[in-house]
Amino acid sequence: SDDLMSRGEVGKVGVAISSLEDMETLLRDIPLKQVSTSMTI
């Protein structure tokens, strides 16, 4: 997200994920054992 190529596009068409910390925040309190997660990537 801090790359010069990212300016103006961060979070615009989806969630910004750059680090493990970001992914932990995204999935916080989501029941990963119960939910089927589909990632468009």
PDB file of all heavy atoms in Angstrom:
ATOM      1  N   SER A   1       0.804  -1.222   0.000  1.00  0.00           N
ATOM      2  CA  SER A   1       0.000   0.000   0.000  1.00  0.00           C
ATOM      3  C   SER A   1       0.838   1.274   0.000  1.00  0.00           C
ATOM      4  O   SER A   1       0.368   2.328  -0.436  1.00  0.00           O
ATOM      5  CB  SER A   1      -0.933   0.012   1.218  1.00  0.00           C
ATOM      6  OG  SER A   1      -1.855  -1.052   1.162  1.00  0.00           O
ATOM      7  N   ASP A   2       2.094   1.187   0.485  1.00  0.00           N
ATOM      8  CA  ASP A   2       2.944   2.384   0.535  1.00  0.00           C
ATOM      9  C   ASP A   2       3.831   2.521  -0.701  1.00  0.00           C
ATOM     10  O   ASP A   2       4.669   3.424  -0.776  1.00  0.00           O
ATOM     11  CB  ASP A   2       3.801   2.389   1.801  1.00  0.00           C
ATOM     12  CG  ASP A   2       4.746   1.196   1.891  1.00  0.00           C
ATOM     13  OD1 ASP A   2       4.599   0.254   1.079  1.00  0.00           O
ATOM     14  OD2 ASP A   2       5.624   1.199   2.777  1.00  0.00           O
ATOM     15  N   ASP A   3       3.660   1.649  -1.679  1.00  0.00           N
ATOM     16  CA  ASP A   3       4.438   1.726  -2.915  1.00  0.00           C
ATOM     17  C   ASP A   3       3.943   2.899  -3.762  1.00  0.00           C
ATOM     18  O   ASP A   3       2.745   3.209  -3.782  1.00  0.00           O
ATOM     19  CB  ASP A   3       4.282   0.418  -3.692  1.00  0.00           C
ATOM     20  CG  ASP A   3       5.321   0.253  -4.792  1.00  0.00           C
ATOM     21  OD1 ASP A   3       5.285   1.034  -5.766  1.00  0.00           O
ATOM     22  OD2 ASP A   3       6.167  -0.652  -4.688  1.00  0.00           O
ATOM     23  N   LEU A   4       4.846   3.568  -4.469  1.00  0.00           N
ATOM     24  CA  LEU A   4       4.449   4.678  -5.338  1.00  0.00           C
ATOM     25  C   LEU A   4       3.420   4.233  -6.384  1.00  0.00           C
ATOM     26  O   LEU A   4       2.548   5.008  -6.780  1.00  0.00           O
ATOM     27  CB  LEU A   4       5.682   5.264  -6.043  1.00  0.00           C
ATOM     28  CG  LEU A   4       6.643   6.074  -5.172  1.00  0.00           C
ATOM     29  CD1 LEU A   4       7.866   6.492  -5.977  1.00  0.00           C
ATOM     30  CD2 LEU A   4       5.942   7.310  -4.598  1.00  0.00           C
ATOM     31  N   MET A   5       3.519   2.970  -6.826  1.00  0.00           N
ATOM     32  CA  MET A   5       2.580   2.463  -7.818  1.00  0.00           C
ATOM     33  C   MET A   5       1.165   2.307  -7.259  1.00  0.00           C
ATOM     34  O   MET A   5       0.205   2.133  -8.024  1.00  0.00           O
ATOM     35  CB  MET A   5       3.068   1.110  -8.344  1.00  0.00           C
ATOM     36  CG  MET A   5       4.318   1.188  -9.188  1.00  0.00           C
ATOM     37  SD  MET A   5       4.016   2.015 -10.770  1.00  0.00           S
ATOM     38  CE  MET A   5       3.013   0.777 -11.602  1.00  0.00           C
ATOM     39  N   SER A   6       1.008   2.379  -5.941  1.00  0.00           N
ATOM     40  CA  SER A   6      -0.293   2.151  -5.309  1.00  0.00           C
ATOM     41  C   SER A   6      -1.073   3.428  -5.063  1.00  0.00           C
ATOM     42  O   SER A   6      -2.259   3.361  -4.695  1.00  0.00           O
ATOM     43  CB  SER A   6      -0.094   1.421  -3.968  1.00  0.00           C
ATOM     44  OG  SER A   6       0.574   0.192  -4.142  1.00  0.00           O
ATOM     45  N   ARG A   7      -0.462   4.559  -5.261  1.00  0.00           N
ATOM     46  CA  ARG A   7      -1.110   5.831  -4.903  1.00  0.00           C
ATOM     47  C   ARG A   7      -2.446   6.011  -5.626  1.00  0.00           C
ATOM     48  O   ARG A   7      -2.550   5.848  -6.829  1.00  0.00           O
ATOM     49  CB  ARG A   7      -0.193   7.004  -5.229  1.00  0.00           C
ATOM     50  CG  ARG A   7       0.947   7.145  -4.245  1.00  0.00           C
ATOM     51  CD  ARG A   7       1.722   8.427  -4.455  1.00  0.00           C
ATOM     52  NE  ARG A   7       2.786   8.569  -3.479  1.00  0.00           N
ATOM     53  CZ  ARG A   7       3.658   9.574  -3.477  1.00  0.00           C
ATOM     54  NH1 ARG A   7       3.589  10.502  -4.408  1.00  0.00           N
ATOM     55  NH2 ARG A   7       4.599   9.619  -2.556  1.00  0.00           N
ATOM     56  N   GLY A   8      -3.464   6.334  -4.835  1.00  0.00           N
ATOM     57  CA  GLY A   8      -4.785   6.572  -5.378  1.00  0.00           C
ATOM     58  C   GLY A   8      -5.612   5.323  -5.598  1.00  0.00           C
ATOM     59  O   GLY A   8      -6.800   5.422  -5.936  1.00  0.00           O
ATOM     60  N   GLU A   9      -5.022   4.144  -5.413  1.00  0.00           N
ATOM     61  CA  GLU A   9      -5.735   2.888  -5.673  1.00  0.00           C
ATOM     62  C   GLU A   9      -5.931   2.036  -4.422  1.00  0.00           C
ATOM     63  O   GLU A   9      -6.582   0.996  -4.487  1.00  0.00           O
ATOM     64  CB  GLU A   9      -4.983   2.058  -6.714  1.00  0.00           C
ATOM     65  CG  GLU A   9      -4.925   2.683  -8.097  1.00  0.00           C
ATOM     66  CD  GLU A   9      -6.288   2.730  -8.772  1.00  0.00           C
ATOM     67  OE1 GLU A   9      -7.202   1.993  -8.336  1.00  0.00           O
ATOM     68  OE2 GLU A   9      -6.451   3.512  -9.720  1.00  0.00           O
ATOM     69  N   VAL A  10      -5.400   2.460  -3.306  1.00  0.00           N
ATOM     70  CA  VAL A  10      -5.457   1.650  -2.087  1.00  0.00           C
ATOM     71  C   VAL A  10      -6.899   1.539  -1.595  1.00  0.00           C
ATOM     72  O   VAL A  10      -7.552   2.548  -1.317  1.00  0.00           O
ATOM     73  CB  VAL A  10      -4.552   2.238  -0.985  1.00  0.00           C
ATOM     74  CG1 VAL A  10      -4.716   1.462   0.322  1.00  0.00           C
ATOM     75  CG2 VAL A  10      -3.101   2.235  -1.432  1.00  0.00           C
ATOM     76  N   GLY A  11      -7.392   0.305  -1.525  1.00  0.00           N
ATOM     77  CA  GLY A  11      -8.727   0.062  -0.982  1.00  0.00           C
ATOM     78  C   GLY A  11      -9.880   0.451  -1.882  1.00  0.00           C
ATOM     79  O   GLY A  11     -11.035   0.398  -1.457  1.00  0.00           O
ATOM     80  N   LYS A  12      -9.620   0.784  -3.146  1.00  0.00           N
ATOM     81  CA  LYS A  12     -10.689   1.318  -3.991  1.00  0.00           C
ATOM     82  C   LYS A  12     -11.600   0.232  -4.567  1.00  0.00           C
ATOM     83  O   LYS A  12     -12.796   0.441  -4.708  1.00  0.00           O
ATOM     84  CB  LYS A  12     -10.075   2.135  -5.135  1.00  0.00           C
ATOM     85  CG  LYS A  12      -9.478   3.465  -4.687  1.00  0.00           C
ATOM     86  CD  LYS A  12     -10.557   4.402  -4.174  1.00  0.00           C
ATOM     87  CE  LYS A  12      -9.999   5.712  -3.645  1.00  0.00           C
ATOM     88  NZ  LYS A  12      -9.434   6.547  -4.707  1.00  0.00           N
ATOM     89  N   VAL A  13     -11.074  -0.907  -4.967  1.00  0.00           N
ATOM     90  CA  VAL A  13     -11.926  -1.946  -5.566  1.00  0.00           C
ATOM     91  C   VAL A  13     -11.925  -3.226  -4.725  1.00  0.00           C
ATOM     92  O   VAL A  13     -12.428  -4.256  -5.157  1.00  0.00           O
ATOM     93  CB  VAL A  13     -11.486  -2.266  -7.013  1.00  0.00           C
ATOM     94  CG1 VAL A  13     -11.639  -1.052  -7.891  1.00  0.00           C
ATOM     95  CG2 VAL A  13     -10.045  -2.773  -7.059  1.00  0.00           C
ATOM     96  N   GLY A  14     -11.396  -3.146  -3.547  1.00  0.00           N
ATOM     97  CA  GLY A  14     -11.328  -4.295  -2.652  1.00  0.00           C
ATOM     98  C   GLY A  14     -10.528  -3.905  -1.430  1.00  0.00           C
ATOM     99  O   GLY A  14     -10.128  -2.748  -1.259  1.00  0.00           O
ATOM    100  N   VAL A  15     -10.260  -4.874  -0.592  1.00  0.00           N
ATOM    101  CA  VAL A  15      -9.553  -4.596   0.653  1.00  0.00           C
ATOM    102  C   VAL A  15      -8.044  -4.596   0.409  1.00  0.00           C
ATOM    103  O   VAL A  15      -7.526  -5.394  -0.366  1.00  0.00           O
ATOM    104  CB  VAL A  15      -9.942  -5.620   1.742  1.00  0.00           C
ATOM    105  CG1 VAL A  15      -9.651  -7.036   1.312  1.00  0.00           C
ATOM    106  CG2 VAL A  15      -9.248  -5.331   3.060  1.00  0.00           C
ATOM    107  N   ALA A  16      -7.349  -3.681   1.056  1.00  0.00           N
ATOM    108  CA  ALA A  16      -5.891  -3.569   0.946  1.00  0.00           C
ATOM    109  C   ALA A  16      -5.232  -4.515   1.942  1.00  0.00           C
ATOM    110  O   ALA A  16      -5.432  -4.395   3.153  1.00  0.00           O
ATOM    111  CB  ALA A  16      -5.455  -2.128   1.225  1.00  0.00           C
ATOM    112  N   ILE A  17      -4.441  -5.455   1.417  1.00  0.00           N
ATOM    113  CA  ILE A  17      -3.719  -6.405   2.268  1.00  0.00           C
ATOM    114  C   ILE A  17      -2.249  -6.396   1.859  1.00  0.00           C
ATOM    115  O   ILE A  17      -1.906  -6.789   0.739  1.00  0.00           O
ATOM    116  CB  ILE A  17      -4.271  -7.833   2.135  1.00  0.00           C
ATOM    117  CG1 ILE A  17      -5.728  -7.902   2.588  1.00  0.00           C
ATOM    118  CG2 ILE A  17      -3.415  -8.823   2.921  1.00  0.00           C
ATOM    119  CD1 ILE A  17      -5.940  -7.696   4.065  1.00  0.00           C
ATOM    120  N   SER A  18      -1.392  -5.936   2.762  1.00  0.00           N
ATOM    121  CA  SER A  18       0.047  -5.926   2.502  1.00  0.00           C
ATOM    122  C   SER A  18       0.837  -6.787   3.470  1.00  0.00           C
ATOM    123  O   SER A  18       1.961  -7.184   3.156  1.00  0.00           O
ATOM    124  CB  SER A  18       0.584  -4.485   2.576  1.00  0.00           C
ATOM    125  OG  SER A  18       0.005  -3.655   1.595  1.00  0.00           O
ATOM    126  N   SER A  19       0.266  -7.071   4.626  1.00  0.00           N
ATOM    127  CA  SER A  19       1.046  -7.712   5.687  1.00  0.00           C
ATOM    128  C   SER A  19       0.215  -8.746   6.424  1.00  0.00           C
ATOM    129  O   SER A  19      -1.022  -8.796   6.301  1.00  0.00           O
ATOM    130  CB  SER A  19       1.525  -6.651   6.690  1.00  0.00           C
ATOM    131  OG  SER A  19       0.406  -6.122   7.400  1.00  0.00           O
ATOM    132  N   LEU A  20       0.886  -9.525   7.240  1.00  0.00           N
ATOM    133  CA  LEU A  20       0.198 -10.475   8.109  1.00  0.00           C
ATOM    134  C   LEU A  20      -0.709  -9.739   9.084  1.00  0.00           C
ATOM    135  O   LEU A  20      -1.810 -10.210   9.402  1.00  0.00           O
ATOM    136  CB  LEU A  20       1.221 -11.336   8.851  1.00  0.00           C
ATOM    137  CG  LEU A  20       0.679 -12.392   9.816  1.00  0.00           C
ATOM    138  CD1 LEU A  20      -0.332 -13.303   9.139  1.00  0.00           C
ATOM    139  CD2 LEU A  20       1.819 -13.200  10.425  1.00  0.00           C
ATOM    140  N   GLU A  21      -0.280  -8.596   9.538  1.00  0.00           N
ATOM    141  CA  GLU A  21      -1.112  -7.791  10.433  1.00  0.00           C
ATOM    142  C   GLU A  21      -2.421  -7.418   9.754  1.00  0.00           C
ATOM    143  O   GLU A  21      -3.499  -7.467  10.372  1.00  0.00           O
ATOM    144  CB  GLU A  21      -0.356  -6.531  10.852  1.00  0.00           C
ATOM    145  CG  GLU A  21      -1.126  -5.635  11.813  1.00  0.00           C
ATOM    146  CD  GLU A  21      -0.324  -4.402  12.193  1.00  0.00           C
ATOM    147  OE1 GLU A  21      -0.113  -3.526  11.304  1.00  0.00           O
ATOM    148  OE2 GLU A  21       0.098  -4.299  13.355  1.00  0.00           O
ATOM    149  N   ASP A  22      -2.367  -7.031   8.479  1.00  0.00           N
ATOM    150  CA  ASP A  22      -3.590  -6.701   7.743  1.00  0.00           C
ATOM    151  C   ASP A  22      -4.534  -7.893   7.687  1.00  0.00           C
ATOM    152  O   ASP A  22      -5.745  -7.765   7.895  1.00  0.00           O
ATOM    153  CB  ASP A  22      -3.254  -6.273   6.306  1.00  0.00           C
ATOM    154  CG  ASP A  22      -2.617  -4.900   6.214  1.00  0.00           C
ATOM    155  OD1 ASP A  22      -2.786  -4.104   7.149  1.00  0.00           O
ATOM    156  OD2 ASP A  22      -1.953  -4.629   5.191  1.00  0.00           O
ATOM    157  N   MET A  23      -4.003  -9.080   7.389  1.00  0.00           N
ATOM    158  CA  MET A  23      -4.852 -10.259   7.274  1.00  0.00           C
ATOM    159  C   MET A  23      -5.443 -10.651   8.623  1.00  0.00           C
ATOM    160  O   MET A  23      -6.606 -11.070   8.699  1.00  0.00           O
ATOM    161  CB  MET A  23      -4.062 -11.421   6.667  1.00  0.00           C
ATOM    162  CG  MET A  23      -4.916 -12.630   6.322  1.00  0.00           C
ATOM    163  SD  MET A  23      -6.186 -12.286   5.085  1.00  0.00           S
ATOM    164  CE  MET A  23      -5.415 -12.937   3.609  1.00  0.00           C
ATOM    165  N   GLU A  24      -4.668 -10.506   9.680  1.00  0.00           N
ATOM    166  CA  GLU A  24      -5.198 -10.789  11.019  1.00  0.00           C
ATOM    167  C   GLU A  24      -6.355  -9.855  11.346  1.00  0.00           C
ATOM    168  O   GLU A  24      -7.358 -10.273  11.935  1.00  0.00           O
ATOM    169  CB  GLU A  24      -4.093 -10.639  12.061  1.00  0.00           C
ATOM    170  CG  GLU A  24      -3.048 -11.740  12.027  1.00  0.00           C
ATOM    171  CD  GLU A  24      -1.954 -11.516  13.053  1.00  0.00           C
ATOM    172  OE1 GLU A  24      -1.257 -10.485  12.977  1.00  0.00           O
ATOM    173  OE2 GLU A  24      -1.792 -12.373  13.929  1.00  0.00           O
ATOM    174  N   THR A  25      -6.227  -8.590  10.963  1.00  0.00           N
ATOM    175  CA  THR A  25      -7.296  -7.622  11.213  1.00  0.00           C
ATOM    176  C   THR A  25      -8.536  -7.966  10.396  1.00  0.00           C
ATOM    177  O   THR A  25      -9.665  -7.922  10.893  1.00  0.00           O
ATOM    178  CB  THR A  25      -6.818  -6.205  10.856  1.00  0.00           C
ATOM    179  OG1 THR A  25      -5.663  -5.889  11.639  1.00  0.00           O
ATOM    180  CG2 THR A  25      -7.901  -5.174  11.117  1.00  0.00           C
ATOM    181  N   LEU A  26      -8.344  -8.318   9.128  1.00  0.00           N
ATOM    182  CA  LEU A  26      -9.464  -8.654   8.256  1.00  0.00           C
ATOM    183  C   LEU A  26     -10.272  -9.831   8.799  1.00  0.00           C
ATOM    184  O   LEU A  26     -11.509  -9.835   8.738  1.00  0.00           O
ATOM    185  CB  LEU A  26      -8.938  -8.997   6.862  1.00  0.00           C
ATOM    186  CG  LEU A  26      -9.984  -9.444   5.836  1.00  0.00           C
ATOM    187  CD1 LEU A  26     -10.874  -8.269   5.437  1.00  0.00           C
ATOM    188  CD2 LEU A  26      -9.312 -10.040   4.609  1.00  0.00           C
ATOM    189  N   LEU A  27      -9.577 -10.840   9.345  1.00  0.00           N
ATOM    190  CA  LEU A  27     -10.233 -12.077   9.777  1.00  0.00           C
ATOM    191  C   LEU A  27     -10.533 -12.119  11.269  1.00  0.00           C
ATOM    192  O   LEU A  27     -10.950 -13.159  11.783  1.00  0.00           O
ATOM    193  CB  LEU A  27      -9.353 -13.275   9.395  1.00  0.00           C
ATOM    194  CG  LEU A  27      -9.069 -13.438   7.900  1.00  0.00           C
ATOM    195  CD1 LEU A  27      -8.094 -14.583   7.674  1.00  0.00           C
ATOM    196  CD2 LEU A  27     -10.348 -13.657   7.112  1.00  0.00           C
ATOM    197  N   ARG A  28     -10.346 -11.017  11.949  1.00  0.00           N
ATOM    198  CA  ARG A  28     -10.560 -10.982  13.400  1.00  0.00           C
ATOM    199  C   ARG A  28     -12.012 -11.365  13.750  1.00  0.00           C
ATOM    200  O   ARG A  28     -12.968 -10.800  13.194  1.00  0.00           O
ATOM    201  CB  ARG A  28     -10.252  -9.591  13.944  1.00  0.00           C
ATOM    202  CG  ARG A  28     -10.290  -9.497  15.469  1.00  0.00           C
ATOM    203  CD  ARG A  28      -9.867  -8.105  15.928  1.00  0.00           C
ATOM    204  NE  ARG A  28     -10.745  -7.090  15.354  1.00  0.00           N
ATOM    205  CZ  ARG A  28     -10.305  -5.982  14.747  1.00  0.00           C
ATOM    206  NH1 ARG A  28      -9.006  -5.755  14.619  1.00  0.00           N
ATOM    207  NH2 ARG A  28     -11.157  -5.113  14.263  1.00  0.00           N
ATOM    208  N   ASP A  29     -12.156 -12.352  14.614  1.00  0.00           N
ATOM    209  CA  ASP A  29     -13.458 -12.827  15.109  1.00  0.00           C
ATOM    210  C   ASP A  29     -14.307 -13.486  14.019  1.00  0.00           C
ATOM    211  O   ASP A  29     -15.505 -13.725  14.220  1.00  0.00           O
ATOM    212  CB  ASP A  29     -14.265 -11.680  15.749  1.00  0.00           C
ATOM    213  CG  ASP A  29     -13.534 -11.037  16.915  1.00  0.00           C
ATOM    214  OD1 ASP A  29     -12.854 -11.770  17.651  1.00  0.00           O
ATOM    215  OD2 ASP A  29     -13.637  -9.808  17.073  1.00  0.00           O
ATOM    216  N   ILE A  30     -13.717 -13.794  12.862  1.00  0.00           N
ATOM    217  CA  ILE A  30     -14.421 -14.562  11.830  1.00  0.00           C
ATOM    218  C   ILE A  30     -14.207 -16.052  12.136  1.00  0.00           C
ATOM    219  O   ILE A  30     -13.073 -16.486  12.329  1.00  0.00           O
ATOM    220  CB  ILE A  30     -13.879 -14.239  10.423  1.00  0.00           C
ATOM    221  CG1 ILE A  30     -14.054 -12.753  10.095  1.00  0.00           C
ATOM    222  CG2 ILE A  30     -14.551 -15.121   9.374  1.00  0.00           C
ATOM    223  CD1 ILE A  30     -15.469 -12.291   9.915  1.00  0.00           C
ATOM    224  N   PRO A  31     -15.263 -16.861  12.202  1.00  0.00           N
ATOM    225  CA  PRO A  31     -15.110 -18.277  12.566  1.00  0.00           C
ATOM    226  C   PRO A  31     -14.545 -19.101  11.412  1.00  0.00           C
ATOM    227  O   PRO A  31     -15.289 -19.716  10.637  1.00  0.00           O
ATOM    228  CB  PRO A  31     -16.542 -18.692  12.922  1.00  0.00           C
ATOM    229  CG  PRO A  31     -17.414 -17.777  12.100  1.00  0.00           C
ATOM    230  CD  PRO A  31     -16.677 -16.477  12.022  1.00  0.00           C
ATOM    231  N   LEU A  32     -13.233 -19.150  11.305  1.00  0.00           N
ATOM    232  CA  LEU A  32     -12.585 -19.796  10.165  1.00  0.00           C
ATOM    233  C   LEU A  32     -12.889 -21.290  10.095  1.00  0.00           C
ATOM    234  O   LEU A  32     -12.837 -21.883   9.008  1.00  0.00           O
ATOM    235  CB  LEU A  32     -11.076 -19.566  10.214  1.00  0.00           C
ATOM    236  CG  LEU A  32     -10.595 -18.106  10.148  1.00  0.00           C
ATOM    237  CD1 LEU A  32      -9.081 -18.066  10.046  1.00  0.00           C
ATOM    238  CD2 LEU A  32     -11.231 -17.370   8.992  1.00  0.00           C
ATOM    239  N   LYS A  33     -13.207 -21.914  11.226  1.00  0.00           N
ATOM    240  CA  LYS A  33     -13.568 -23.341  11.210  1.00  0.00           C
ATOM    241  C   LYS A  33     -14.922 -23.572  10.540  1.00  0.00           C
ATOM    242  O   LYS A  33     -15.188 -24.641  10.012  1.00  0.00           O
ATOM    243  CB  LYS A  33     -13.630 -23.896  12.634  1.00  0.00           C
ATOM    244  CG  LYS A  33     -12.278 -24.172  13.278  1.00  0.00           C
ATOM    245  CD  LYS A  33     -12.503 -24.842  14.623  1.00  0.00           C
ATOM    246  CE  LYS A  33     -11.185 -25.149  15.315  1.00  0.00           C
ATOM    247  NZ  LYS A  33     -11.394 -25.802  16.633  1.00  0.00           N
ATOM    248  N   GLN A  34     -15.775 -22.560  10.570  1.00  0.00           N
ATOM    249  CA  GLN A  34     -17.153 -22.723  10.116  1.00  0.00           C
ATOM    250  C   GLN A  34     -17.414 -22.111   8.741  1.00  0.00           C
ATOM    251  O   GLN A  34     -18.307 -22.562   8.022  1.00  0.00           O
ATOM    252  CB  GLN A  34     -18.109 -22.086  11.130  1.00  0.00           C
ATOM    253  CG  GLN A  34     -17.985 -22.639  12.536  1.00  0.00           C
ATOM    254  CD  GLN A  34     -18.728 -21.788  13.546  1.00  0.00           C
ATOM    255  OE1 GLN A  34     -19.712 -21.128  13.224  1.00  0.00           O
ATOM    256  NE2 GLN A  34     -18.264 -21.799  14.791  1.00  0.00           N
ATOM    257  N   VAL A  35     -16.647 -21.081   8.392  1.00  0.00           N
ATOM    258  CA  VAL A  35     -16.921 -20.318   7.178  1.00  0.00           C
ATOM    259  C   VAL A  35     -16.047 -20.817   6.033  1.00  0.00           C
ATOM    260  O   VAL A  35     -14.848 -21.055   6.195  1.00  0.00           O
ATOM    261  CB  VAL A  35     -16.664 -18.810   7.422  1.00  0.00           C
ATOM    262  CG1 VAL A  35     -16.747 -18.028   6.121  1.00  0.00           C
ATOM    263  CG2 VAL A  35     -17.667 -18.270   8.421  1.00  0.00           C
ATOM    264  N   SER A  36     -16.659 -20.967   4.864  1.00  0.00           N
ATOM    265  CA  SER A  36     -15.902 -21.231   3.643  1.00  0.00           C
ATOM    266  C   SER A  36     -15.541 -19.890   3.022  1.00  0.00           C
ATOM    267  O   SER A  36     -16.420 -19.085   2.713  1.00  0.00           O
ATOM    268  CB  SER A  36     -16.745 -22.061   2.667  1.00  0.00           C
ATOM    269  OG  SER A  36     -16.103 -22.166   1.420  1.00  0.00           O
ATOM    270  N   THR A  37     -14.249 -19.637   2.860  1.00  0.00           N
ATOM    271  CA  THR A  37     -13.773 -18.333   2.396  1.00  0.00           C
ATOM    272  C   THR A  37     -13.313 -18.419   0.945  1.00  0.00           C
ATOM    273  O   THR A  37     -12.485 -19.258   0.592  1.00  0.00           O
ATOM    274  CB  THR A  37     -12.603 -17.844   3.268  1.00  0.00           C
ATOM    275  OG1 THR A  37     -13.040 -17.756   4.630  1.00  0.00           O
ATOM    276  CG2 THR A  37     -12.122 -16.482   2.805  1.00  0.00           C
ATOM    277  N   SER A  38     -13.865 -17.558   0.125  1.00  0.00           N
ATOM    278  CA  SER A  38     -13.465 -17.483  -1.282  1.00  0.00           C
ATOM    279  C   SER A  38     -12.693 -16.191  -1.494  1.00  0.00           C
ATOM    280  O   SER A  38     -13.180 -15.111  -1.167  1.00  0.00           O
ATOM    281  CB  SER A  38     -14.696 -17.508  -2.190  1.00  0.00           C
ATOM    282  OG  SER A  38     -14.331 -17.341  -3.543  1.00  0.00           O
ATOM    283  N   MET A  39     -11.469 -16.315  -2.024  1.00  0.00           N
ATOM    284  CA  MET A  39     -10.626 -15.139  -2.230  1.00  0.00           C
ATOM    285  C   MET A  39     -10.398 -14.909  -3.720  1.00  0.00           C
ATOM    286  O   MET A  39      -9.855 -15.768  -4.420  1.00  0.00           O
ATOM    287  CB  MET A  39      -9.296 -15.301  -1.501  1.00  0.00           C
ATOM    288  CG  MET A  39      -9.436 -15.357   0.011  1.00  0.00           C
ATOM    289  SD  MET A  39      -7.873 -15.188   0.908  1.00  0.00           S
ATOM    290  CE  MET A  39      -7.197 -16.828   0.714  1.00  0.00           C
ATOM    291  N   THR A  40     -10.860 -13.745  -4.196  1.00  0.00           N
ATOM    292  CA  THR A  40     -10.683 -13.387  -5.604  1.00  0.00           C
ATOM    293  C   THR A  40      -9.299 -12.784  -5.763  1.00  0.00           C
ATOM    294  O   THR A  40      -9.087 -11.581  -5.569  1.00  0.00           O
ATOM    295  CB  THR A  40     -11.768 -12.395  -6.045  1.00  0.00           C
ATOM    296  OG1 THR A  40     -13.048 -12.984  -5.818  1.00  0.00           O
ATOM    297  CG2 THR A  40     -11.639 -12.066  -7.514  1.00  0.00           C
ATOM    298  N   ILE A  41      -8.348 -13.627  -6.124  1.00  0.00           N
ATOM    299  CA  ILE A  41      -6.958 -13.206  -6.233  1.00  0.00           C
ATOM    300  C   ILE A  41      -6.251 -14.175  -7.175  1.00  0.00           C
ATOM    301  O   ILE A  41      -6.559 -15.371  -7.183  1.00  0.00           O
ATOM    302  CB  ILE A  41      -6.280 -13.161  -4.843  1.00  0.00           C
ATOM    303  CG1 ILE A  41      -4.947 -12.431  -4.901  1.00  0.00           C
ATOM    304  CG2 ILE A  41      -6.165 -14.547  -4.231  1.00  0.00           C
ATOM    305  CD1 ILE A  41      -5.038 -10.951  -5.155  1.00  0.00           C
TER     306      ILE A  41
END
